[in-house]
Structures are given as structure tokens and as C-alpha cells.
C-alpha atoms as a PDB file:
ATOM      1  CA  MET A   1       0.018   0.222  -0.542  1.00  0.00           C
ATOM      2  CA  SER A   2       1.085   3.486  -1.106  1.00  0.00           C
ATOM      3  CA  GLY A   3       1.138   6.507   1.533  1.00  0.00           C
ATOM      4  CA  PRO A   4       0.775  10.571   0.473  1.00  0.00           C
ATOM      5  CA  SER A   5       4.372  10.502   0.321  1.00  0.00           C
ATOM      6  CA  LEU A   6       3.987   7.491  -3.124  1.00  0.00           C
ATOM      7  CA  ASN A   7       0.550   9.311  -4.480  1.00  0.00           C
ATOM      8  CA  PRO A   8       1.843  10.698  -7.968  1.00  0.00           C
ATOM      9  CA  ASP A   9      -0.704  13.551  -7.744  1.00  0.00           C
ATOM     10  CA  TYR A  10       0.524  14.589  -4.015  1.00  0.00           C
ATOM     11  CA  MET A  11       3.893  14.639  -4.479  1.00  0.00           C
ATOM     12  CA  ILE A  12       2.640  16.919  -7.924  1.00  0.00           C
ATOM     13  CA  TYR A  13       0.855  19.410  -5.482  1.00  0.00           C
ATOM     14  CA  ASN A  14       3.708  19.407  -3.323  1.00  0.00           C
ATOM     15  CA  ILE A  15       5.968  20.346  -6.442  1.00  0.00           C
ATOM     16  CA  PHE A  16       3.446  23.390  -7.805  1.00  0.00           C
ATOM     17  CA  LEU A  17       3.936  24.831  -4.101  1.00  0.00           C
ATOM     18  CA  ASN A  18       8.037  24.786  -4.337  1.00  0.00           C
ATOM     19  CA  LEU A  19       7.300  26.309  -8.138  1.00  0.00           C
ATOM     20  CA  PRO A  20       7.709  30.597  -8.614  1.00  0.00           C
ATOM     21  CA  VAL A  21       4.319  32.257  -9.262  1.00  0.00           C
ATOM     22  CA  LYS A  22       5.593  32.051 -13.025  1.00  0.00           C
ATOM     23  CA  THR A  23       6.019  29.008 -13.253  1.00  0.00           C
ATOM     24  CA  LEU A  24       3.008  27.836 -11.982  1.00  0.00           C
ATOM     25  CA  LEU A  25       1.380  30.362 -14.672  1.00  0.00           C
ATOM     26  CA  ARG A  26       3.112  28.227 -17.408  1.00  0.00           C
ATOM     27  CA  PHE A  27       1.739  24.602 -16.311  1.00  0.00           C
ATOM     28  CA  HIS A  28      -2.124  26.486 -15.547  1.00  0.00           C
ATOM     29  CA  CYS A  29      -2.279  25.845 -19.367  1.00  0.00           C
ATOM     30  CA  VAL A  30      -0.732  22.035 -19.227  1.00  0.00           C
ATOM     31  CA  SER A  31      -4.234  20.540 -18.718  1.00  0.00           C
ATOM     32  CA  LYS A  32      -8.230  21.424 -16.660  1.00  0.00           C
ATOM     33  CA  SER A  33      -6.343  19.356 -13.978  1.00  0.00           C
ATOM     34  CA  TYR A  34      -3.334  22.230 -13.003  1.00  0.00           C
ATOM     35  CA  CYS A  35      -5.695  24.218 -14.394  1.00  0.00           C
ATOM     36  CA  MET A  36      -8.352  24.046 -11.615  1.00  0.00           C
ATOM     37  CA  GLU A  37      -4.928  23.141  -8.757  1.00  0.00           C
ATOM     38  CA  ILE A  38      -3.454  26.212 -10.060  1.00  0.00           C
ATOM     39  CA  ASP A  39      -6.899  28.273  -9.658  1.00  0.00           C
ATOM     40  CA  SER A  40      -8.261  27.611  -6.178  1.00  0.00           C
ATOM     41  CA  PRO A  41      -7.624  29.451  -3.276  1.00  0.00           C
ATOM     42  CA  VAL A  42      -7.572  26.707  -0.718  1.00  0.00           C
ATOM     43  CA  PHE A  43      -4.166  25.833  -3.218  1.00  0.00           C
ATOM     44  CA  ILE A  44      -2.900  29.851  -3.409  1.00  0.00           C
ATOM     45  CA  ASN A  45      -3.340  30.635   0.045  1.00  0.00           C
ATOM     46  CA  ALA A  46      -0.948  26.744   0.729  1.00  0.00           C
ATOM     47  CA  HIS A  47       1.683  29.055  -2.361  1.00  0.00           C
ATOM     48  CA  LEU A  48       1.706  31.773  -0.138  1.00  0.00           C
ATOM     49  CA  ASN A  49       2.281  30.883   3.222  1.00  0.00           C
ATOM     50  CA  GLN A  50       5.170  28.282   1.491  1.00  0.00           C
ATOM     51  CA  SER A  51       6.645  30.839  -0.171  1.00  0.00           C
ATOM     52  CA  LEU A  52       5.977  32.632   3.171  1.00  0.00           C
ATOM     53  CA  ARG A  53       8.384  29.876   4.462  1.00  0.00           C
ATOM     54  CA  THR A  54      11.081  29.081   3.073  1.00  0.00           C
ATOM     55  CA  LYS A  55      13.365  30.808   0.887  1.00  0.00           C
ATOM     56  CA  ILE A  56      14.611  27.262  -0.941  1.00  0.00           C
ATOM     57  CA  ARG A  57      13.600  26.605  -3.748  1.00  0.00           C
ATOM     58  CA  LEU A  58      13.335  22.821  -5.429  1.00  0.00           C
ATOM     59  CA  LYS A  59      14.661  21.802  -8.873  1.00  0.00           C
ATOM     60  CA  LEU A  60      14.381  19.132 -10.320  1.00  0.00           C
ATOM     61  CA  LEU A  61      17.216  17.283 -12.271  1.00  0.00           C
ATOM     62  CA  PHE A  62      16.426  14.985 -15.433  1.00  0.00           C
ATOM     63  CA  GLY A  63      19.191  12.676 -16.008  1.00  0.00           C
ATOM     64  CA  GLU A  64      18.735   9.618 -19.136  1.00  0.00           C
ATOM     65  CA  ASP A  65      18.720   6.660 -16.470  1.00  0.00           C
ATOM     66  CA  HIS A  66      17.512   9.214 -12.983  1.00  0.00           C
ATOM     67  CA  VAL A  67      15.440  12.288 -11.741  1.00  0.00           C
ATOM     68  CA  ILE A  68      16.652  13.705  -9.253  1.00  0.00           C
ATOM     69  CA  LEU A  69      15.113  15.604  -6.514  1.00  0.00           C
ATOM     70  CA  GLU A  70      17.444  19.084  -5.216  1.00  0.00           C
ATOM     71  CA  ALA A  71      16.672  21.721  -2.251  1.00  0.00           C
ATOM     72  CA  VAL A  72      18.463  25.235  -3.285  1.00  0.00           C
ATOM     73  CA  ASP A  73      19.077  27.267  -1.499  1.00  0.00           C
ATOM     74  CA  LEU A  74      19.355  31.693  -3.371  1.00  0.00           C
ATOM     75  CA  HIS A  75      21.368  33.826  -0.585  1.00  0.00           C
ATOM     76  CA  GLN A  76      23.508  30.296   0.363  1.00  0.00           C
ATOM     77  CA  ARG A  77      24.863  29.060  -2.824  1.00  0.00           C
ATOM     78  CA  THR A  78      24.113  25.730  -1.774  1.00  0.00           C
ATOM     79  CA  ALA A  79      22.484  22.468  -2.952  1.00  0.00           C
ATOM     80  CA  VAL A  80      21.500  19.320  -0.963  1.00  0.00           C
ATOM     81  CA  GLN A  81      20.225  16.285  -2.745  1.00  0.00           C
ATOM     82  CA  LEU A  82      16.822  15.218  -1.335  1.00  0.00           C
ATOM     83  CA  ASN A  83      16.015  11.997  -3.256  1.00  0.00           C
ATOM     84  CA  ASN A  84      16.711   9.765  -6.263  1.00  0.00           C
ATOM     85  CA  LEU A  85      13.383   9.460  -7.658  1.00  0.00           C
ATOM     86  CA  ASN A  86      13.759   6.487  -9.530  1.00  0.00           C
ATOM     87  CA  GLN A  87      14.807   4.063  -6.488  1.00  0.00           C
END
């Protein structure tokens, strides 16, 4: 049985929470479900709170055979690998 952290919708929601607004606007046009999620008052409030709470941005790195999630602190110019998403 998969927990909430392995649910694809949960993962997308959490990735969206950490994206800048400009990038979210690009995803707005990808699908109706993304548009509805991004436009929902609950998501907008959660995104604002997440943005105010942290200055750390997440980025996904795609290789030929792997995907890595990193947290990047823009103020200290450091990066930490959080997860290899293919394991």
C-alpha cells in the first residue's frame, strides 16, 4: 500500500507548492486539472504560505536514467540532494 508521499497527485501538488508563480502560470495551460488545482483558493493560500515560510527552491534534475530532487538555497548558493526519484 502506498502512502501519501508516493501518490502522484500528492507529489505534483508538493512540487507545485515550491514553484515560482511564473512557472505555475506555464503549467496552468497544460491541463484542465492543473488549471483547476493552481486556481483553487486552497492552493493559492498554501503556495503563499510556503513562499513566505522558505526561501529555498526545489529543482528537478533529469538524467538519462534517473531523476533527482534537490533543494537549492538561493541566498547561500548551496544545493542538497533530497531524493533519487527512481529508487
